[in-house]
Amino acid sequence: MGHVIALVDREAGPGYRLAGVDVRETATPEEMGRQAEALAADPGVRLVILDEELFHGLPRALRHKLEESRSPVFVPVPSLQLRKGALRPEEYVARLMRRAVGYQVRIRR
């Protein structure tokens, strides 16, 4: 059975739990790195959602390893903090799709 786990901070955890996702709270990039490496070796885990800000604090070699992993798939997602100059949600989704499928996807309303 495929399993989805989110490695996120304390503030984002409740939202993922409401969606039925198993949450493992992590406060630092080091803690996220340890948990991500453990999950990479777990054959029951299929998808790991990572807090994007903490993900960017990981060592380059570990980030690359997680980005290249196919089982489980590690997906960094932004926290829901709305900041001036941040990408609009549809722009962010288009960027994720381009990275996942290898070409630009245009989102129309």
PDB file of N, CA and C in Angstrom:
ATOM      1  N   MET A   1       0.842  -1.185   0.000  1.00  0.00           N
ATOM      2  CA  MET A   1       0.000   0.000   0.000  1.00  0.00           C
ATOM      3  C   MET A   1       0.875   1.232   0.000  1.00  0.00           C
ATOM      4  N   GLY A   2       0.634   2.163  -0.910  1.00  0.00           N
ATOM      5  CA  GLY A   2       1.388   3.401  -0.959  1.00  0.00           C
ATOM      6  C   GLY A   2       1.028   4.291   0.204  1.00  0.00           C
ATOM      7  N   HIS A   3       2.015   4.981   0.710  1.00  0.00           N
ATOM      8  CA  HIS A   3       1.799   5.815   1.877  1.00  0.00           C
ATOM      9  C   HIS A   3       2.336   7.216   1.603  1.00  0.00           C
ATOM     10  N   VAL A   4       1.600   8.218   2.055  1.00  0.00           N
ATOM     11  CA  VAL A   4       1.999   9.618   1.881  1.00  0.00           C
ATOM     12  C   VAL A   4       2.349  10.186   3.247  1.00  0.00           C
ATOM     13  N   ILE A   5       3.495  10.846   3.328  1.00  0.00           N
ATOM     14  CA  ILE A   5       3.954  11.449   4.574  1.00  0.00           C
ATOM     15  C   ILE A   5       4.379  12.881   4.288  1.00  0.00           C
ATOM     16  N   ALA A   6       4.046  13.789   5.196  1.00  0.00           N
ATOM     17  CA  ALA A   6       4.466  15.191   5.077  1.00  0.00           C
ATOM     18  C   ALA A   6       5.487  15.493   6.169  1.00  0.00           C
ATOM     19  N   LEU A   7       6.628  16.049   5.765  1.00  0.00           N
ATOM     20  CA  LEU A   7       7.634  16.547   6.700  1.00  0.00           C
ATOM     21  C   LEU A   7       7.510  18.060   6.695  1.00  0.00           C
ATOM     22  N   VAL A   8       6.773  18.585   7.652  1.00  0.00           N
ATOM     23  CA  VAL A   8       6.452  20.006   7.676  1.00  0.00           C
ATOM     24  C   VAL A   8       6.589  20.551   9.090  1.00  0.00           C
ATOM     25  N   ASP A   9       6.503  21.873   9.218  1.00  0.00           N
ATOM     26  CA  ASP A   9       6.604  22.497  10.533  1.00  0.00           C
ATOM     27  C   ASP A   9       5.286  22.354  11.292  1.00  0.00           C
ATOM     28  N   ARG A  10       5.310  22.764  12.533  1.00  0.00           N
ATOM     29  CA  ARG A  10       4.154  22.616  13.429  1.00  0.00           C
ATOM     30  C   ARG A  10       2.919  23.349  12.901  1.00  0.00           C
ATOM     31  N   GLU A  11       3.098  24.494  12.263  1.00  0.00           N
ATOM     32  CA  GLU A  11       1.959  25.275  11.771  1.00  0.00           C
ATOM     33  C   GLU A  11       1.247  24.606  10.603  1.00  0.00           C
ATOM     34  N   ALA A  12       1.988  23.939   9.738  1.00  0.00           N
ATOM     35  CA  ALA A  12       1.377  23.312   8.557  1.00  0.00           C
ATOM     36  C   ALA A  12       0.800  21.938   8.855  1.00  0.00           C
ATOM     37  N   GLY A  13       1.241  21.305   9.929  1.00  0.00           N
ATOM     38  CA  GLY A  13       0.821  19.945  10.247  1.00  0.00           C
ATOM     39  C   GLY A  13      -0.680  19.714  10.296  1.00  0.00           C
ATOM     40  N   PRO A  14      -1.440  20.562  11.004  1.00  0.00           N
ATOM     41  CA  PRO A  14      -2.890  20.314  11.096  1.00  0.00           C
ATOM     42  C   PRO A  14      -3.594  20.272   9.738  1.00  0.00           C
ATOM     43  N   GLY A  15      -3.205  21.109   8.814  1.00  0.00           N
ATOM     44  CA  GLY A  15      -3.840  21.111   7.494  1.00  0.00           C
ATOM     45  C   GLY A  15      -3.627  19.802   6.763  1.00  0.00           C
ATOM     46  N   TYR A  16      -2.416  19.266   6.824  1.00  0.00           N
ATOM     47  CA  TYR A  16      -2.142  17.983   6.182  1.00  0.00           C
ATOM     48  C   TYR A  16      -2.886  16.852   6.892  1.00  0.00           C
ATOM     49  N   ARG A  17      -2.953  16.930   8.217  1.00  0.00           N
ATOM     50  CA  ARG A  17      -3.688  15.898   8.957  1.00  0.00           C
ATOM     51  C   ARG A  17      -5.169  15.889   8.566  1.00  0.00           C
ATOM     52  N   LEU A  18      -5.748  17.084   8.399  1.00  0.00           N
ATOM     53  CA  LEU A  18      -7.149  17.161   7.976  1.00  0.00           C
ATOM     54  C   LEU A  18      -7.360  16.509   6.615  1.00  0.00           C
ATOM     55  N   ALA A  19      -6.334  16.529   5.780  1.00  0.00           N
ATOM     56  CA  ALA A  19      -6.427  15.915   4.456  1.00  0.00           C
ATOM     57  C   ALA A  19      -6.114  14.418   4.500  1.00  0.00           C
ATOM     58  N   GLY A  20      -5.831  13.894   5.693  1.00  0.00           N
ATOM     59  CA  GLY A  20      -5.586  12.465   5.823  1.00  0.00           C
ATOM     60  C   GLY A  20      -4.146  12.055   5.609  1.00  0.00           C
ATOM     61  N   VAL A  21      -3.230  13.012   5.634  1.00  0.00           N
ATOM     62  CA  VAL A  21      -1.816  12.726   5.405  1.00  0.00           C
ATOM     63  C   VAL A  21      -1.125  12.501   6.747  1.00  0.00           C
ATOM     64  N   ASP A  22      -0.254  11.508   6.802  1.00  0.00           N
ATOM     65  CA  ASP A  22       0.560  11.260   7.985  1.00  0.00           C
ATOM     66  C   ASP A  22       1.595  12.373   8.083  1.00  0.00           C
ATOM     67  N   VAL A  23       1.666  13.054   9.229  1.00  0.00           N
ATOM     68  CA  VAL A  23       2.554  14.203   9.401  1.00  0.00           C
ATOM     69  C   VAL A  23       3.660  13.866  10.383  1.00  0.00           C
ATOM     70  N   ARG A  24       4.867  14.243  10.012  1.00  0.00           N
ATOM     71  CA  ARG A  24       6.011  14.180  10.919  1.00  0.00           C
ATOM     72  C   ARG A  24       6.561  15.595  11.001  1.00  0.00           C
ATOM     73  N   GLU A  25       6.364  16.208  12.152  1.00  0.00           N
ATOM     74  CA  GLU A  25       6.786  17.598  12.308  1.00  0.00           C
ATOM     75  C   GLU A  25       8.306  17.691  12.372  1.00  0.00           C
ATOM     76  N   THR A  26       8.825  18.693  11.695  1.00  0.00           N
ATOM     77  CA  THR A  26      10.257  18.942  11.660  1.00  0.00           C
ATOM     78  C   THR A  26      10.476  20.446  11.711  1.00  0.00           C
ATOM     79  N   ALA A  27      11.426  20.876  12.526  1.00  0.00           N
ATOM     80  CA  ALA A  27      11.633  22.308  12.725  1.00  0.00           C
ATOM     81  C   ALA A  27      12.906  22.828  12.067  1.00  0.00           C
ATOM     82  N   THR A  28      13.823  21.946  11.721  1.00  0.00           N
ATOM     83  CA  THR A  28      15.105  22.378  11.157  1.00  0.00           C
ATOM     84  C   THR A  28      15.447  21.558   9.916  1.00  0.00           C
ATOM     85  N   PRO A  29      16.295  22.103   9.043  1.00  0.00           N
ATOM     86  CA  PRO A  29      16.730  21.327   7.883  1.00  0.00           C
ATOM     87  C   PRO A  29      17.458  20.039   8.287  1.00  0.00           C
ATOM     88  N   GLU A  30      18.224  20.087   9.361  1.00  0.00           N
ATOM     89  CA  GLU A  30      18.964  18.898   9.804  1.00  0.00           C
ATOM     90  C   GLU A  30      18.000  17.777  10.193  1.00  0.00           C
ATOM     91  N   GLU A  31      16.960  18.148  10.949  1.00  0.00           N
ATOM     92  CA  GLU A  31      15.954  17.175  11.362  1.00  0.00           C
ATOM     93  C   GLU A  31      15.220  16.625  10.141  1.00  0.00           C
ATOM     94  N   MET A  32      14.879  17.501   9.197  1.00  0.00           N
ATOM     95  CA  MET A  32      14.213  17.053   7.971  1.00  0.00           C
ATOM     96  C   MET A  32      15.111  16.082   7.213  1.00  0.00           C
ATOM     97  N   GLY A  33      16.386  16.399   7.120  1.00  0.00           N
ATOM     98  CA  GLY A  33      17.322  15.528   6.406  1.00  0.00           C
ATOM     99  C   GLY A  33      17.375  14.138   7.002  1.00  0.00           C
ATOM    100  N   ARG A  34      17.449  14.039   8.331  1.00  0.00           N
ATOM    101  CA  ARG A  34      17.486  12.729   8.990  1.00  0.00           C
ATOM    102  C   ARG A  34      16.208  11.946   8.708  1.00  0.00           C
ATOM    103  N   GLN A  35      15.058  12.616   8.832  1.00  0.00           N
ATOM    104  CA  GLN A  35      13.794  11.928   8.602  1.00  0.00           C
ATOM    105  C   GLN A  35      13.630  11.530   7.136  1.00  0.00           C
ATOM    106  N   ALA A  36      14.039  12.397   6.222  1.00  0.00           N
ATOM    107  CA  ALA A  36      13.924  12.098   4.788  1.00  0.00           C
ATOM    108  C   ALA A  36      14.781  10.895   4.412  1.00  0.00           C
ATOM    109  N   GLU A  37      15.985  10.826   4.948  1.00  0.00           N
ATOM    110  CA  GLU A  37      16.846   9.681   4.636  1.00  0.00           C
ATOM    111  C   GLU A  37      16.255   8.379   5.173  1.00  0.00           C
ATOM    112  N   ALA A  38      15.650   8.445   6.359  1.00  0.00           N
ATOM    113  CA  ALA A  38      15.005   7.251   6.907  1.00  0.00           C
ATOM    114  C   ALA A  38      13.816   6.832   6.041  1.00  0.00           C
ATOM    115  N   LEU A  39      13.021   7.810   5.577  1.00  0.00           N
ATOM    116  CA  LEU A  39      11.863   7.495   4.738  1.00  0.00           C
ATOM    117  C   LEU A  39      12.282   6.967   3.371  1.00  0.00           C
ATOM    118  N   ALA A  40      13.430   7.418   2.870  1.00  0.00           N
ATOM    119  CA  ALA A  40      13.914   6.949   1.569  1.00  0.00           C
ATOM    120  C   ALA A  40      14.171   5.448   1.587  1.00  0.00           C
ATOM    121  N   ALA A  41      14.483   4.911   2.744  1.00  0.00           N
ATOM    122  CA  ALA A  41      14.773   3.484   2.864  1.00  0.00           C
ATOM    123  C   ALA A  41      13.529   2.649   3.198  1.00  0.00           C
ATOM    124  N   ASP A  42      12.390   3.290   3.398  1.00  0.00           N
ATOM    125  CA  ASP A  42      11.158   2.590   3.773  1.00  0.00           C
ATOM    126  C   ASP A  42      10.379   2.202   2.514  1.00  0.00           C
ATOM    127  N   PRO A  43      10.254   0.910   2.219  1.00  0.00           N
ATOM    128  CA  PRO A  43       9.564   0.496   0.984  1.00  0.00           C
ATOM    129  C   PRO A  43       8.065   0.779   0.982  1.00  0.00           C
ATOM    130  N   GLY A  44       7.465   1.060   2.132  1.00  0.00           N
ATOM    131  CA  GLY A  44       6.037   1.342   2.188  1.00  0.00           C
ATOM    132  C   GLY A  44       5.679   2.781   1.883  1.00  0.00           C
ATOM    133  N   VAL A  45       6.673   3.653   1.822  1.00  0.00           N
ATOM    134  CA  VAL A  45       6.420   5.076   1.574  1.00  0.00           C
ATOM    135  C   VAL A  45       6.516   5.340   0.079  1.00  0.00           C
ATOM    136  N   ARG A  46       5.518   6.031  -0.467  1.00  0.00           N
ATOM    137  CA  ARG A  46       5.490   6.332  -1.900  1.00  0.00           C
ATOM    138  C   ARG A  46       5.683   7.812  -2.201  1.00  0.00           C
ATOM    139  N   LEU A  47       5.183   8.696  -1.327  1.00  0.00           N
ATOM    140  CA  LEU A  47       5.261  10.130  -1.565  1.00  0.00           C
ATOM    141  C   LEU A  47       5.600  10.821  -0.253  1.00  0.00           C
ATOM    142  N   VAL A  48       6.593  11.727  -0.305  1.00  0.00           N
ATOM    143  CA  VAL A  48       6.967  12.516   0.863  1.00  0.00           C
ATOM    144  C   VAL A  48       6.864  13.988   0.478  1.00  0.00           C
ATOM    145  N   ILE A  49       6.002  14.705   1.182  1.00  0.00           N
ATOM    146  CA  ILE A  49       5.828  16.140   0.971  1.00  0.00           C
ATOM    147  C   ILE A  49       6.770  16.859   1.923  1.00  0.00           C
ATOM    148  N   LEU A  50       7.586  17.769   1.381  1.00  0.00           N
ATOM    149  CA  LEU A  50       8.581  18.475   2.177  1.00  0.00           C
ATOM    150  C   LEU A  50       8.287  19.963   2.216  1.00  0.00           C
ATOM    151  N   ASP A  51       8.480  20.583   3.370  1.00  0.00           N
ATOM    152  CA  ASP A  51       8.382  22.043   3.478  1.00  0.00           C
ATOM    153  C   ASP A  51       9.513  22.630   2.638  1.00  0.00           C
ATOM    154  N   GLU A  52       9.153  23.445   1.651  1.00  0.00           N
ATOM    155  CA  GLU A  52      10.135  23.960   0.698  1.00  0.00           C
ATOM    156  C   GLU A  52      11.235  24.789   1.352  1.00  0.00           C
ATOM    157  N   GLU A  53      10.874  25.601   2.324  1.00  0.00           N
ATOM    158  CA  GLU A  53      11.872  26.444   2.986  1.00  0.00           C
ATOM    159  C   GLU A  53      12.913  25.595   3.715  1.00  0.00           C
ATOM    160  N   LEU A  54      12.465  24.570   4.437  1.00  0.00           N
ATOM    161  CA  LEU A  54      13.405  23.680   5.115  1.00  0.00           C
ATOM    162  C   LEU A  54      14.206  22.866   4.107  1.00  0.00           C
ATOM    163  N   PHE A  55      13.553  22.452   3.028  1.00  0.00           N
ATOM    164  CA  PHE A  55      14.229  21.679   1.979  1.00  0.00           C
ATOM    165  C   PHE A  55      15.423  22.441   1.415  1.00  0.00           C
ATOM    166  N   HIS A  56      15.262  23.746   1.199  1.00  0.00           N
ATOM    167  CA  HIS A  56      16.360  24.540   0.641  1.00  0.00           C
ATOM    168  C   HIS A  56      17.508  24.716   1.622  1.00  0.00           C
ATOM    169  N   GLY A  57      17.277  24.399   2.905  1.00  0.00           N
ATOM    170  CA  GLY A  57      18.342  24.451   3.894  1.00  0.00           C
ATOM    171  C   GLY A  57      19.154  23.170   3.982  1.00  0.00           C
ATOM    172  N   LEU A  58      18.745  22.125   3.247  1.00  0.00           N
ATOM    173  CA  LEU A  58      19.474  20.854   3.252  1.00  0.00           C
ATOM    174  C   LEU A  58      20.770  20.988   2.458  1.00  0.00           C
ATOM    175  N   PRO A  59      21.763  20.151   2.764  1.00  0.00           N
ATOM    176  CA  PRO A  59      22.983  20.140   1.953  1.00  0.00           C
ATOM    177  C   PRO A  59      22.655  19.819   0.491  1.00  0.00           C
ATOM    178  N   ARG A  60      23.410  20.404  -0.410  1.00  0.00           N
ATOM    179  CA  ARG A  60      23.165  20.247  -1.853  1.00  0.00           C
ATOM    180  C   ARG A  60      23.095  18.781  -2.276  1.00  0.00           C
ATOM    181  N   ALA A  61      23.997  17.953  -1.769  1.00  0.00           N
ATOM    182  CA  ALA A  61      24.020  16.539  -2.172  1.00  0.00           C
ATOM    183  C   ALA A  61      22.736  15.824  -1.756  1.00  0.00           C
ATOM    184  N   LEU A  62      22.246  16.121  -0.568  1.00  0.00           N
ATOM    185  CA  LEU A  62      21.008  15.486  -0.108  1.00  0.00           C
ATOM    186  C   LEU A  62      19.810  15.993  -0.901  1.00  0.00           C
ATOM    187  N   ARG A  63      19.767  17.305  -1.191  1.00  0.00           N
ATOM    188  CA  ARG A  63      18.669  17.840  -2.015  1.00  0.00           C
ATOM    189  C   ARG A  63      18.636  17.128  -3.356  1.00  0.00           C
ATOM    190  N   HIS A  64      19.790  16.969  -3.967  1.00  0.00           N
ATOM    191  CA  HIS A  64      19.866  16.320  -5.277  1.00  0.00           C
ATOM    192  C   HIS A  64      19.393  14.860  -5.182  1.00  0.00           C
ATOM    193  N   LYS A  65      19.829  14.162  -4.138  1.00  0.00           N
ATOM    194  CA  LYS A  65      19.420  12.764  -3.947  1.00  0.00           C
ATOM    195  C   LYS A  65      17.902  12.664  -3.828  1.00  0.00           C
ATOM    196  N   LEU A  66      17.304  13.556  -3.046  1.00  0.00           N
ATOM    197  CA  LEU A  66      15.851  13.520  -2.867  1.00  0.00           C
ATOM    198  C   LEU A  66      15.118  13.894  -4.148  1.00  0.00           C
ATOM    199  N   GLU A  67      15.626  14.878  -4.878  1.00  0.00           N
ATOM    200  CA  GLU A  67      14.983  15.284  -6.133  1.00  0.00           C
ATOM    201  C   GLU A  67      15.020  14.174  -7.172  1.00  0.00           C
ATOM    202  N   GLU A  68      16.063  13.368  -7.161  1.00  0.00           N
ATOM    203  CA  GLU A  68      16.218  12.297  -8.145  1.00  0.00           C
ATOM    204  C   GLU A  68      15.527  11.001  -7.734  1.00  0.00           C
ATOM    205  N   SER A  69      15.092  10.884  -6.483  1.00  0.00           N
ATOM    206  CA  SER A  69      14.465   9.667  -5.993  1.00  0.00           C
ATOM    207  C   SER A  69      13.148   9.402  -6.734  1.00  0.00           C
ATOM    208  N   ARG A  70      12.937   8.159  -7.103  1.00  0.00           N
ATOM    209  CA  ARG A  70      11.703   7.765  -7.786  1.00  0.00           C
ATOM    210  C   ARG A  70      10.779   6.954  -6.887  1.00  0.00           C
ATOM    211  N   SER A  71      11.324   6.395  -5.817  1.00  0.00           N
ATOM    212  CA  SER A  71      10.496   5.652  -4.867  1.00  0.00           C
ATOM    213  C   SER A  71      11.175   5.685  -3.519  1.00  0.00           C
ATOM    214  N   PRO A  72      10.690   6.524  -2.649  1.00  0.00           N
ATOM    215  CA  PRO A  72       9.539   7.401  -2.772  1.00  0.00           C
ATOM    216  C   PRO A  72       9.870   8.663  -3.559  1.00  0.00           C
ATOM    217  N   VAL A  73       8.836   9.355  -3.965  1.00  0.00           N
ATOM    218  CA  VAL A  73       8.986  10.635  -4.637  1.00  0.00           C
ATOM    219  C   VAL A  73       8.929  11.715  -3.557  1.00  0.00           C
ATOM    220  N   PHE A  74       9.915  12.605  -3.563  1.00  0.00           N
ATOM    221  CA  PHE A  74       9.971  13.713  -2.614  1.00  0.00           C
ATOM    222  C   PHE A  74       9.549  14.986  -3.334  1.00  0.00           C
ATOM    223  N   VAL A  75       8.550  15.684  -2.790  1.00  0.00           N
ATOM    224  CA  VAL A  75       8.025  16.885  -3.430  1.00  0.00           C
ATOM    225  C   VAL A  75       8.071  18.051  -2.449  1.00  0.00           C
ATOM    226  N   PRO A  76       8.960  19.032  -2.692  1.00  0.00           N
ATOM    227  CA  PRO A  76       8.948  20.228  -1.845  1.00  0.00           C
ATOM    228  C   PRO A  76       7.765  21.121  -2.217  1.00  0.00           C
ATOM    229  N   VAL A  77       7.044  21.571  -1.214  1.00  0.00           N
ATOM    230  CA  VAL A  77       5.904  22.468  -1.439  1.00  0.00           C
ATOM    231  C   VAL A  77       6.069  23.694  -0.550  1.00  0.00           C
ATOM    232  N   PRO A  78       5.621  24.832  -1.022  1.00  0.00           N
ATOM    233  CA  PRO A  78       5.761  26.049  -0.201  1.00  0.00           C
ATOM    234  C   PRO A  78       4.782  26.040   0.962  1.00  0.00           C
ATOM    235  N   SER A  79       5.188  26.701   2.023  1.00  0.00           N
ATOM    236  CA  SER A  79       4.240  26.896   3.118  1.00  0.00           C
ATOM    237  C   SER A  79       3.231  27.938   2.645  1.00  0.00           C
ATOM    238  N   LEU A  80       2.135  28.065   3.321  1.00  0.00           N
ATOM    239  CA  LEU A  80       1.063  28.936   2.856  1.00  0.00           C
ATOM    240  C   LEU A  80       1.220  30.379   3.315  1.00  0.00           C
ATOM    241  N   GLN A  81       2.432  30.811   3.544  1.00  0.00           N
ATOM    242  CA  GLN A  81       2.672  32.195   3.915  1.00  0.00           C
ATOM    243  C   GLN A  81       2.582  33.053   2.657  1.00  0.00           C
ATOM    244  N   LEU A  82       1.717  34.030   2.696  1.00  0.00           N
ATOM    245  CA  LEU A  82       1.578  34.918   1.547  1.00  0.00           C
ATOM    246  C   LEU A  82       2.518  36.098   1.739  1.00  0.00           C
ATOM    247  N   ARG A  83       3.482  36.205   0.858  1.00  0.00           N
ATOM    248  CA  ARG A  83       4.460  37.277   0.949  1.00  0.00           C
ATOM    249  C   ARG A  83       4.381  38.128  -0.304  1.00  0.00           C
ATOM    250  N   LYS A  84       4.719  39.394  -0.144  1.00  0.00           N
ATOM    251  CA  LYS A  84       4.777  40.274  -1.301  1.00  0.00           C
ATOM    252  C   LYS A  84       5.858  39.761  -2.242  1.00  0.00           C
ATOM    253  N   GLY A  85       5.526  39.637  -3.491  1.00  0.00           N
ATOM    254  CA  GLY A  85       6.481  39.162  -4.488  1.00  0.00           C
ATOM    255  C   GLY A  85       6.498  37.651  -4.656  1.00  0.00           C
ATOM    256  N   ALA A  86       5.701  36.917  -3.873  1.00  0.00           N
ATOM    257  CA  ALA A  86       5.650  35.465  -4.001  1.00  0.00           C
ATOM    258  C   ALA A  86       4.883  35.099  -5.270  1.00  0.00           C
ATOM    259  N   LEU A  87       5.159  33.916  -5.790  1.00  0.00           N
ATOM    260  CA  LEU A  87       4.444  33.441  -6.970  1.00  0.00           C
ATOM    261  C   LEU A  87       2.961  33.268  -6.655  1.00  0.00           C
ATOM    262  N   ARG A  88       2.138  33.584  -7.638  1.00  0.00           N
ATOM    263  CA  ARG A  88       0.713  33.290  -7.505  1.00  0.00           C
ATOM    264  C   ARG A  88       0.553  31.773  -7.515  1.00  0.00           C
ATOM    265  N   PRO A  89      -0.507  31.251  -6.877  1.00  0.00           N
ATOM    266  CA  PRO A  89      -0.670  29.795  -6.816  1.00  0.00           C
ATOM    267  C   PRO A  89      -0.634  29.113  -8.184  1.00  0.00           C
ATOM    268  N   GLU A  90      -1.280  29.703  -9.182  1.00  0.00           N
ATOM    269  CA  GLU A  90      -1.279  29.056 -10.503  1.00  0.00           C
ATOM    270  C   GLU A  90       0.107  29.069 -11.149  1.00  0.00           C
ATOM    271  N   GLU A  91       0.909  30.088 -10.868  1.00  0.00           N
ATOM    272  CA  GLU A  91       2.281  30.109 -11.379  1.00  0.00           C
ATOM    273  C   GLU A  91       3.116  29.019 -10.719  1.00  0.00           C
ATOM    274  N   TYR A  92       2.906  28.842  -9.422  1.00  0.00           N
ATOM    275  CA  TYR A  92       3.656  27.819  -8.713  1.00  0.00           C
ATOM    276  C   TYR A  92       3.287  26.423  -9.214  1.00  0.00           C
ATOM    277  N   VAL A  93       1.989  26.173  -9.425  1.00  0.00           N
ATOM    278  CA  VAL A  93       1.551  24.875  -9.932  1.00  0.00           C
ATOM    279  C   VAL A  93       2.134  24.630 -11.316  1.00  0.00           C
ATOM    280  N   ALA A  94       2.143  25.649 -12.164  1.00  0.00           N
ATOM    281  CA  ALA A  94       2.728  25.505 -13.504  1.00  0.00           C
ATOM    282  C   ALA A  94       4.211  25.162 -13.409  1.00  0.00           C
ATOM    283  N   ARG A  95       4.917  25.775 -12.473  1.00  0.00           N
ATOM    284  CA  ARG A  95       6.349  25.486 -12.296  1.00  0.00           C
ATOM    285  C   ARG A  95       6.543  24.038 -11.837  1.00  0.00           C
ATOM    286  N   LEU A  96       5.709  23.574 -10.897  1.00  0.00           N
ATOM    287  CA  LEU A  96       5.802  22.182 -10.448  1.00  0.00           C
ATOM    288  C   LEU A  96       5.522  21.215 -11.586  1.00  0.00           C
ATOM    289  N   MET A  97       4.489  21.513 -12.381  1.00  0.00           N
ATOM    290  CA  MET A  97       4.147  20.640 -13.505  1.00  0.00           C
ATOM    291  C   MET A  97       5.269  20.583 -14.533  1.00  0.00           C
ATOM    292  N   ARG A  98       5.875  21.735 -14.810  1.00  0.00           N
ATOM    293  CA  ARG A  98       6.972  21.772 -15.783  1.00  0.00           C
ATOM    294  C   ARG A  98       8.116  20.888 -15.299  1.00  0.00           C
ATOM    295  N   ARG A  99       8.414  20.948 -14.001  1.00  0.00           N
ATOM    296  CA  ARG A  99       9.497  20.141 -13.460  1.00  0.00           C
ATOM    297  C   ARG A  99       9.130  18.664 -13.480  1.00  0.00           C
ATOM    298  N   ALA A 100       7.865  18.332 -13.194  1.00  0.00           N
ATOM    299  CA  ALA A 100       7.441  16.935 -13.106  1.00  0.00           C
ATOM    300  C   ALA A 100       7.323  16.268 -14.469  1.00  0.00           C
ATOM    301  N   VAL A 101       6.755  16.972 -15.453  1.00  0.00           N
ATOM    302  CA  VAL A 101       6.502  16.340 -16.750  1.00  0.00           C
ATOM    303  C   VAL A 101       7.489  16.747 -17.826  1.00  0.00           C
ATOM    304  N   GLY A 102       8.301  17.761 -17.555  1.00  0.00           N
ATOM    305  CA  GLY A 102       9.355  18.117 -18.487  1.00  0.00           C
ATOM    306  C   GLY A 102       8.991  19.137 -19.545  1.00  0.00           C
ATOM    307  N   TYR A 103       7.813  19.719 -19.483  1.00  0.00           N
ATOM    308  CA  TYR A 103       7.477  20.773 -20.431  1.00  0.00           C
ATOM    309  C   TYR A 103       6.482  21.733 -19.809  1.00  0.00           C
ATOM    310  N   GLN A 104       6.331  22.872 -20.423  1.00  0.00           N
ATOM    311  CA  GLN A 104       5.475  23.941 -19.896  1.00  0.00           C
ATOM    312  C   GLN A 104       4.010  23.575 -20.030  1.00  0.00           C
ATOM    313  N   VAL A 105       3.252  23.817 -18.978  1.00  0.00           N
ATOM    314  CA  VAL A 105       1.814  23.614 -18.988  1.00  0.00           C
ATOM    315  C   VAL A 105       1.162  24.977 -18.796  1.00  0.00           C
ATOM    316  N   ARG A 106       0.259  25.322 -19.666  1.00  0.00           N
ATOM    317  CA  ARG A 106      -0.450  26.599 -19.538  1.00  0.00           C
ATOM    318  C   ARG A 106      -1.768  26.361 -18.833  1.00  0.00           C
ATOM    319  N   ILE A 107      -1.991  27.106 -17.777  1.00  0.00           N
ATOM    320  CA  ILE A 107      -3.219  26.971 -17.002  1.00  0.00           C
ATOM    321  C   ILE A 107      -4.153  28.099 -17.410  1.00  0.00           C
ATOM    322  N   ARG A 108      -5.334  27.736 -17.880  1.00  0.00           N
ATOM    323  CA  ARG A 108      -6.310  28.740 -18.308  1.00  0.00           C
ATOM    324  C   ARG A 108      -7.457  28.764 -17.316  1.00  0.00           C
ATOM    325  N   ARG A 109      -8.050  29.922 -17.187  1.00  0.00           N
ATOM    326  CA  ARG A 109      -9.214  30.051 -16.309  1.00  0.00           C
ATOM    327  C   ARG A 109     -10.449  30.189 -17.143  1.00  0.00           C
TER     328      ARG A 109
END
